Amino acid sequence: MAGQRNYDFLIKLLLIGDSGVGKSCCLLRFSEDSFTPSFITTIGIDFKIRTIDLDGKRVKLQIWDTAGQERFRTITTAYYRGAMGILLCYDVTDEKSFNNIRTWFSNVEQHASEGVNKILIGNKCDWEEKRQVTTEQGQALADELGIPFLEVSAKANINIEKAFYSLASDIKKRLIDSSKDSPQNQGAPGAVNVAAGQGQGGAFGRCC
């Protein structure tokens, strides 16, 4: 029953990007605060759940991890529509994964709900000696796409929490704003659980 839910918001997030950029590692670090150096390719799609506190509200995050390989693309795009927030991930040590972000962004624009919140994530920022994509390049692309940007490291646990929290905060704000304008929600207390909506926002940052 809705009255027995132990959360105020249910937010569905999606991690997308080329295979090998560390999407699963970012998810594992955020959901379980752990890291494995072993590279295990995601087959199709996987998900984890973590409940966080945002501004005094309990927010349940359902985070979907997608396979980056082309052969799984049809499967993963089916999950775009239900996502409320999307993390577009690339590897700062792999320029090709960065260049492919525009293609991933186009897929989002084509398949996801209109106005879905997005954030650009540059993973492995701790690996400076192998870096191929500068922070400035990442920021410039984010500015071009009109979305927030963060460099992170799942291995060193840099900015992982900030990335997920900032995206969830933007979505929560959008849900509150949209619920105020919704006739069925006006004057009605309780949890907000919206599958998709409109709005965009967030904070920019870098690996430090």
C-alpha atoms as a PDB file:
ATOM      1  CA  MET A   1       0.000   0.000   0.000  1.00  0.00           C
ATOM      2  CA  ALA A   2       1.154   3.515  -0.810  1.00  0.00           C
ATOM      3  CA  GLY A   3       0.792   4.658   2.790  1.00  0.00           C
ATOM      4  CA  GLN A   4       3.362   2.052   3.892  1.00  0.00           C
ATOM      5  CA  ARG A   5       6.126   3.180   1.541  1.00  0.00           C
ATOM      6  CA  ASN A   6       9.336   4.124   3.316  1.00  0.00           C
ATOM      7  CA  TYR A   7      10.288   6.737   0.732  1.00  0.00           C
ATOM      8  CA  ASP A   8       8.915  10.043  -0.541  1.00  0.00           C
ATOM      9  CA  PHE A   9      10.222   9.798  -4.093  1.00  0.00           C
ATOM     10  CA  LEU A  10      11.056   6.921  -6.423  1.00  0.00           C
ATOM     11  CA  ILE A  11      13.573   7.980  -9.046  1.00  0.00           C
ATOM     12  CA  LYS A  12      14.761   5.816 -11.927  1.00  0.00           C
ATOM     13  CA  LEU A  13      18.243   6.548 -13.286  1.00  0.00           C
ATOM     14  CA  LEU A  14      20.051   5.125 -16.302  1.00  0.00           C
ATOM     15  CA  LEU A  15      23.802   4.806 -16.944  1.00  0.00           C
ATOM     16  CA  ILE A  16      24.786   4.815 -20.619  1.00  0.00           C
ATOM     17  CA  GLY A  17      28.044   5.017 -22.569  1.00  0.00           C
ATOM     18  CA  ASP A  18      30.576   2.862 -24.387  1.00  0.00           C
ATOM     19  CA  SER A  19      31.585  -0.534 -23.061  1.00  0.00           C
ATOM     20  CA  GLY A  20      34.544  -0.343 -20.697  1.00  0.00           C
ATOM     21  CA  VAL A  21      34.127   3.252 -19.493  1.00  0.00           C
ATOM     22  CA  GLY A  22      33.317   2.056 -15.967  1.00  0.00           C
ATOM     23  CA  LYS A  23      29.539   2.396 -15.726  1.00  0.00           C
ATOM     24  CA  SER A  24      29.215  -0.747 -13.610  1.00  0.00           C
ATOM     25  CA  CYS A  25      32.095   0.388 -11.389  1.00  0.00           C
ATOM     26  CA  CYS A  26      30.419   3.766 -10.811  1.00  0.00           C
ATOM     27  CA  LEU A  27      27.179   2.030  -9.902  1.00  0.00           C
ATOM     28  CA  LEU A  28      28.926  -0.442  -7.591  1.00  0.00           C
ATOM     29  CA  ARG A  29      30.815   2.356  -5.859  1.00  0.00           C
ATOM     30  CA  PHE A  30      27.635   4.366  -5.293  1.00  0.00           C
ATOM     31  CA  SER A  31      25.332   1.509  -4.315  1.00  0.00           C
ATOM     32  CA  GLU A  32      27.725  -0.624  -2.243  1.00  0.00           C
ATOM     33  CA  ASP A  33      30.783   1.626  -1.722  1.00  0.00           C
ATOM     34  CA  SER A  34      33.021  -1.019  -3.270  1.00  0.00           C
ATOM     35  CA  PHE A  35      35.276  -1.338  -6.303  1.00  0.00           C
ATOM     36  CA  THR A  36      36.514  -4.278  -8.316  1.00  0.00           C
ATOM     37  CA  PRO A  37      39.387  -3.941 -10.810  1.00  0.00           C
ATOM     38  CA  SER A  38      38.056  -6.927 -12.762  1.00  0.00           C
ATOM     39  CA  PHE A  39      36.345  -5.929 -15.983  1.00  0.00           C
ATOM     40  CA  ILE A  40      33.033  -7.744 -16.303  1.00  0.00           C
ATOM     41  CA  THR A  41      30.912  -6.787 -19.285  1.00  0.00           C
ATOM     42  CA  THR A  42      27.275  -6.081 -18.483  1.00  0.00           C
ATOM     43  CA  ILE A  43      25.003  -8.408 -20.460  1.00  0.00           C
ATOM     44  CA  GLY A  44      21.908  -6.489 -21.497  1.00  0.00           C
ATOM     45  CA  ILE A  45      20.937  -4.538 -18.394  1.00  0.00           C
ATOM     46  CA  ASP A  46      21.296  -4.698 -14.610  1.00  0.00           C
ATOM     47  CA  PHE A  47      20.130  -2.500 -11.748  1.00  0.00           C
ATOM     48  CA  LYS A  48      20.738  -1.671  -8.106  1.00  0.00           C
ATOM     49  CA  ILE A  49      18.772   0.262  -5.501  1.00  0.00           C
ATOM     50  CA  ARG A  50      19.894   2.793  -2.912  1.00  0.00           C
ATOM     51  CA  THR A  51      17.752   5.060  -0.736  1.00  0.00           C
ATOM     52  CA  ILE A  52      19.205   8.465   0.128  1.00  0.00           C
ATOM     53  CA  ASP A  53      18.144  11.547   2.079  1.00  0.00           C
ATOM     54  CA  LEU A  54      17.682  14.780   0.133  1.00  0.00           C
ATOM     55  CA  ASP A  55      16.554  17.935   1.923  1.00  0.00           C
ATOM     56  CA  GLY A  56      14.715  15.910   4.546  1.00  0.00           C
ATOM     57  CA  LYS A  57      13.055  13.620   1.998  1.00  0.00           C
ATOM     58  CA  ARG A  58      13.655   9.899   1.508  1.00  0.00           C
ATOM     59  CA  VAL A  59      14.532   9.275  -2.127  1.00  0.00           C
ATOM     60  CA  LYS A  60      14.673   5.724  -3.450  1.00  0.00           C
ATOM     61  CA  LEU A  61      17.005   5.477  -6.434  1.00  0.00           C
ATOM     62  CA  GLN A  62      16.539   2.623  -8.884  1.00  0.00           C
ATOM     63  CA  ILE A  63      19.683   2.771 -11.034  1.00  0.00           C
ATOM     64  CA  TRP A  64      19.888   0.832 -14.283  1.00  0.00           C
ATOM     65  CA  ASP A  65      23.265  -0.143 -15.739  1.00  0.00           C
ATOM     66  CA  THR A  66      23.218  -0.735 -19.495  1.00  0.00           C
ATOM     67  CA  ALA A  67      25.495  -2.691 -21.799  1.00  0.00           C
ATOM     68  CA  GLY A  68      27.567  -0.500 -24.101  1.00  0.00           C
ATOM     69  CA  GLN A  69      27.979  -2.941 -26.972  1.00  0.00           C
ATOM     70  CA  GLU A  70      26.099  -2.337 -30.199  1.00  0.00           C
ATOM     71  CA  ARG A  71      24.449  -5.776 -30.109  1.00  0.00           C
ATOM     72  CA  PHE A  72      22.593  -4.827 -26.914  1.00  0.00           C
ATOM     73  CA  ARG A  73      21.510  -1.397 -28.156  1.00  0.00           C
ATOM     74  CA  THR A  74      17.931  -2.444 -28.964  1.00  0.00           C
ATOM     75  CA  ILE A  75      17.505  -3.880 -25.468  1.00  0.00           C
ATOM     76  CA  THR A  76      18.920  -0.896 -23.632  1.00  0.00           C
ATOM     77  CA  THR A  77      17.068   1.781 -25.592  1.00  0.00           C
ATOM     78  CA  ALA A  78      13.813   0.209 -24.424  1.00  0.00           C
ATOM     79  CA  TYR A  79      14.689   1.411 -20.912  1.00  0.00           C
ATOM     80  CA  TYR A  80      15.243   5.037 -21.949  1.00  0.00           C
ATOM     81  CA  ARG A  81      11.557   5.931 -21.835  1.00  0.00           C
ATOM     82  CA  GLY A  82      11.094   5.105 -18.159  1.00  0.00           C
ATOM     83  CA  ALA A  83      14.246   6.867 -17.016  1.00  0.00           C
ATOM     84  CA  MET A  84      13.891  10.132 -15.099  1.00  0.00           C
ATOM     85  CA  GLY A  85      17.619  10.851 -15.133  1.00  0.00           C
ATOM     86  CA  ILE A  86      20.441   9.702 -17.396  1.00  0.00           C
ATOM     87  CA  LEU A  87      24.185   9.659 -16.708  1.00  0.00           C
ATOM     88  CA  LEU A  88      26.152   9.811 -19.969  1.00  0.00           C
ATOM     89  CA  CYS A  89      29.522   8.251 -19.170  1.00  0.00           C
ATOM     90  CA  TYR A  90      32.876   8.312 -20.914  1.00  0.00           C
ATOM     91  CA  ASP A  91      36.432   7.356 -19.955  1.00  0.00           C
ATOM     92  CA  VAL A  92      38.906  10.276 -19.751  1.00  0.00           C
ATOM     93  CA  THR A  93      41.652   7.832 -20.859  1.00  0.00           C
ATOM     94  CA  ASP A  94      39.694   6.799 -23.967  1.00  0.00           C
ATOM     95  CA  GLU A  95      39.084   9.585 -26.476  1.00  0.00           C
ATOM     96  CA  LYS A  96      36.836   7.397 -28.615  1.00  0.00           C
ATOM     97  CA  SER A  97      34.380   6.934 -25.735  1.00  0.00           C
ATOM     98  CA  PHE A  98      34.297  10.725 -25.358  1.00  0.00           C
ATOM     99  CA  ASN A  99      33.694  11.295 -29.063  1.00  0.00           C
ATOM    100  CA  ASN A 100      30.821   8.809 -28.970  1.00  0.00           C
ATOM    101  CA  ILE A 101      28.948  10.817 -26.306  1.00  0.00           C
ATOM    102  CA  ARG A 102      27.186  12.830 -29.013  1.00  0.00           C
ATOM    103  CA  THR A 103      25.800   9.579 -30.441  1.00  0.00           C
ATOM    104  CA  TRP A 104      24.615   8.492 -26.991  1.00  0.00           C
ATOM    105  CA  PHE A 105      23.066  11.905 -26.465  1.00  0.00           C
ATOM    106  CA  SER A 106      21.219  11.590 -29.784  1.00  0.00           C
ATOM    107  CA  ASN A 107      19.876   8.216 -28.641  1.00  0.00           C
ATOM    108  CA  VAL A 108      18.586   9.865 -25.474  1.00  0.00           C
ATOM    109  CA  GLU A 109      16.907  12.636 -27.444  1.00  0.00           C
ATOM    110  CA  GLN A 110      15.288  10.034 -29.685  1.00  0.00           C
ATOM    111  CA  HIS A 111      14.176   7.449 -27.124  1.00  0.00           C
ATOM    112  CA  ALA A 112      13.931   9.083 -23.684  1.00  0.00           C
ATOM    113  CA  SER A 113      11.072  11.140 -22.296  1.00  0.00           C
ATOM    114  CA  GLU A 114      11.099  14.806 -23.209  1.00  0.00           C
ATOM    115  CA  GLY A 115      12.972  16.923 -20.653  1.00  0.00           C
ATOM    116  CA  VAL A 116      14.639  13.994 -18.877  1.00  0.00           C
ATOM    117  CA  ASN A 117      17.456  15.210 -16.604  1.00  0.00           C
ATOM    118  CA  LYS A 118      20.956  14.420 -17.835  1.00  0.00           C
ATOM    119  CA  ILE A 119      24.544  14.733 -16.606  1.00  0.00           C
ATOM    120  CA  LEU A 120      27.855  14.121 -18.384  1.00  0.00           C
ATOM    121  CA  ILE A 121      30.313  11.966 -16.425  1.00  0.00           C
ATOM    122  CA  GLY A 122      34.032  11.592 -17.186  1.00  0.00           C
ATOM    123  CA  ASN A 123      35.244   8.521 -15.286  1.00  0.00           C
ATOM    124  CA  LYS A 124      38.812   7.471 -14.317  1.00  0.00           C
ATOM    125  CA  CYS A 125      39.938  11.025 -13.589  1.00  0.00           C
ATOM    126  CA  ASP A 126      42.521   9.643 -11.139  1.00  0.00           C
ATOM    127  CA  TRP A 127      44.482   8.170 -14.044  1.00  0.00           C
ATOM    128  CA  GLU A 128      46.197  11.405 -15.083  1.00  0.00           C
ATOM    129  CA  GLU A 129      49.166   9.763 -16.826  1.00  0.00           C
ATOM    130  CA  LYS A 130      46.758   7.984 -19.210  1.00  0.00           C
ATOM    131  CA  ARG A 131      44.388  10.922 -19.733  1.00  0.00           C
ATOM    132  CA  GLN A 132      43.360  11.625 -23.347  1.00  0.00           C
ATOM    133  CA  VAL A 133      40.421  13.985 -22.692  1.00  0.00           C
ATOM    134  CA  THR A 134      40.994  17.200 -20.750  1.00  0.00           C
ATOM    135  CA  THR A 135      38.597  18.583 -18.171  1.00  0.00           C
ATOM    136  CA  GLU A 136      38.125  21.604 -20.440  1.00  0.00           C
ATOM    137  CA  GLN A 137      37.048  19.364 -23.326  1.00  0.00           C
ATOM    138  CA  GLY A 138      34.515  17.655 -21.098  1.00  0.00           C
ATOM    139  CA  GLN A 139      33.148  20.960 -19.862  1.00  0.00           C
ATOM    140  CA  ALA A 140      32.950  22.320 -23.416  1.00  0.00           C
ATOM    141  CA  LEU A 141      30.933  19.303 -24.564  1.00  0.00           C
ATOM    142  CA  ALA A 142      28.609  19.591 -21.577  1.00  0.00           C
ATOM    143  CA  ASP A 143      28.093  23.278 -22.370  1.00  0.00           C
ATOM    144  CA  GLU A 144      27.346  22.375 -25.982  1.00  0.00           C
ATOM    145  CA  LEU A 145      24.778  19.774 -24.914  1.00  0.00           C
ATOM    146  CA  GLY A 146      23.384  22.034 -22.192  1.00  0.00           C
ATOM    147  CA  ILE A 147      23.841  19.576 -19.336  1.00  0.00           C
ATOM    148  CA  PRO A 148      25.854  19.448 -16.062  1.00  0.00           C
ATOM    149  CA  PHE A 149      29.327  17.890 -16.006  1.00  0.00           C
ATOM    150  CA  LEU A 150      31.513  16.115 -13.469  1.00  0.00           C
ATOM    151  CA  GLU A 151      34.746  14.177 -13.640  1.00  0.00           C
ATOM    152  CA  VAL A 152      34.694  11.171 -11.323  1.00  0.00           C
ATOM    153  CA  SER A 153      36.701   8.148 -10.298  1.00  0.00           C
ATOM    154  CA  ALA A 154      34.967   4.968  -9.210  1.00  0.00           C
ATOM    155  CA  LYS A 155      38.337   3.515  -8.169  1.00  0.00           C
ATOM    156  CA  ALA A 156      39.410   6.478  -6.005  1.00  0.00           C
ATOM    157  CA  ASN A 157      35.823   7.314  -4.991  1.00  0.00           C
ATOM    158  CA  ILE A 158      35.998  10.875  -6.341  1.00  0.00           C
ATOM    159  CA  ASN A 159      32.746  12.756  -7.032  1.00  0.00           C
ATOM    160  CA  ILE A 160      30.670   9.564  -7.359  1.00  0.00           C
ATOM    161  CA  GLU A 161      28.286  10.588  -4.572  1.00  0.00           C
ATOM    162  CA  LYS A 162      28.149  14.135  -5.909  1.00  0.00           C
ATOM    163  CA  ALA A 163      27.194  12.950  -9.406  1.00  0.00           C
ATOM    164  CA  PHE A 164      24.262  10.809  -8.277  1.00  0.00           C
ATOM    165  CA  TYR A 165      23.102  13.205  -5.566  1.00  0.00           C
ATOM    166  CA  SER A 166      23.148  16.245  -7.856  1.00  0.00           C
ATOM    167  CA  LEU A 167      21.182  14.445 -10.562  1.00  0.00           C
ATOM    168  CA  ALA A 168      18.668  13.107  -8.019  1.00  0.00           C
ATOM    169  CA  SER A 169      18.306  16.590  -6.513  1.00  0.00           C
ATOM    170  CA  ASP A 170      17.558  18.112  -9.923  1.00  0.00           C
ATOM    171  CA  ILE A 171      14.931  15.435 -10.584  1.00  0.00           C
ATOM    172  CA  LYS A 172      13.328  15.840  -7.161  1.00  0.00           C
ATOM    173  CA  LYS A 173      13.017  19.572  -7.740  1.00  0.00           C
ATOM    174  CA  ARG A 174      11.449  18.935 -11.146  1.00  0.00           C
ATOM    175  CA  LEU A 175       8.958  16.453  -9.689  1.00  0.00           C
ATOM    176  CA  ILE A 176       7.954  18.894  -6.956  1.00  0.00           C
ATOM    177  CA  ASP A 177       7.527  21.695  -9.490  1.00  0.00           C
ATOM    178  CA  SER A 178       5.493  19.501 -11.840  1.00  0.00           C
ATOM    179  CA  SER A 179       3.320  18.131  -9.014  1.00  0.00           C
ATOM    180  CA  LYS A 180       2.371  21.677  -8.037  1.00  0.00           C
ATOM    181  CA  ASP A 181       1.008  22.180 -11.539  1.00  0.00           C
ATOM    182  CA  SER A 182      -0.774  18.815 -11.634  1.00  0.00           C
ATOM    183  CA  PRO A 183      -4.511  18.979 -10.748  1.00  0.00           C
ATOM    184  CA  GLN A 184      -4.552  15.514  -9.197  1.00  0.00           C
ATOM    185  CA  ASN A 185      -1.646  16.401  -6.915  1.00  0.00           C
ATOM    186  CA  GLN A 186      -2.790  19.802  -5.747  1.00  0.00           C
ATOM    187  CA  GLY A 187      -3.463  19.682  -2.015  1.00  0.00           C
ATOM    188  CA  ALA A 188      -2.657  15.985  -1.819  1.00  0.00           C
ATOM    189  CA  PRO A 189       0.029  15.001   0.713  1.00  0.00           C
ATOM    190  CA  GLY A 190       2.192  11.904   0.484  1.00  0.00           C
ATOM    191  CA  ALA A 191       4.787  10.405  -1.802  1.00  0.00           C
ATOM    192  CA  VAL A 192       5.482  11.580  -5.311  1.00  0.00           C
ATOM    193  CA  ASN A 193       6.195   8.788  -7.780  1.00  0.00           C
ATOM    194  CA  VAL A 194       6.421  10.009 -11.353  1.00  0.00           C
ATOM    195  CA  ALA A 195       7.738   7.810 -14.141  1.00  0.00           C
ATOM    196  CA  ALA A 196       8.880  10.673 -16.370  1.00  0.00           C
ATOM    197  CA  GLY A 197       8.642  14.417 -16.640  1.00  0.00           C
ATOM    198  CA  GLN A 198      10.167  17.645 -17.832  1.00  0.00           C
ATOM    199  CA  GLY A 199      12.945  19.906 -16.600  1.00  0.00           C
ATOM    200  CA  GLN A 200      16.717  20.258 -16.476  1.00  0.00           C
ATOM    201  CA  GLY A 201      19.252  21.662 -14.077  1.00  0.00           C
ATOM    202  CA  GLY A 202      22.256  20.971 -11.944  1.00  0.00           C
ATOM    203  CA  ALA A 203      25.724  21.957 -10.820  1.00  0.00           C
ATOM    204  CA  PHE A 204      28.946  21.731 -12.766  1.00  0.00           C
ATOM    205  CA  GLY A 205      32.179  20.420 -11.330  1.00  0.00           C
ATOM    206  CA  ARG A 206      35.442  18.635 -11.892  1.00  0.00           C
ATOM    207  CA  CYS A 207      37.587  15.900 -10.407  1.00  0.00           C
ATOM    208  CA  CYS A 208      39.672  17.304  -7.566  1.00  0.00           C
END
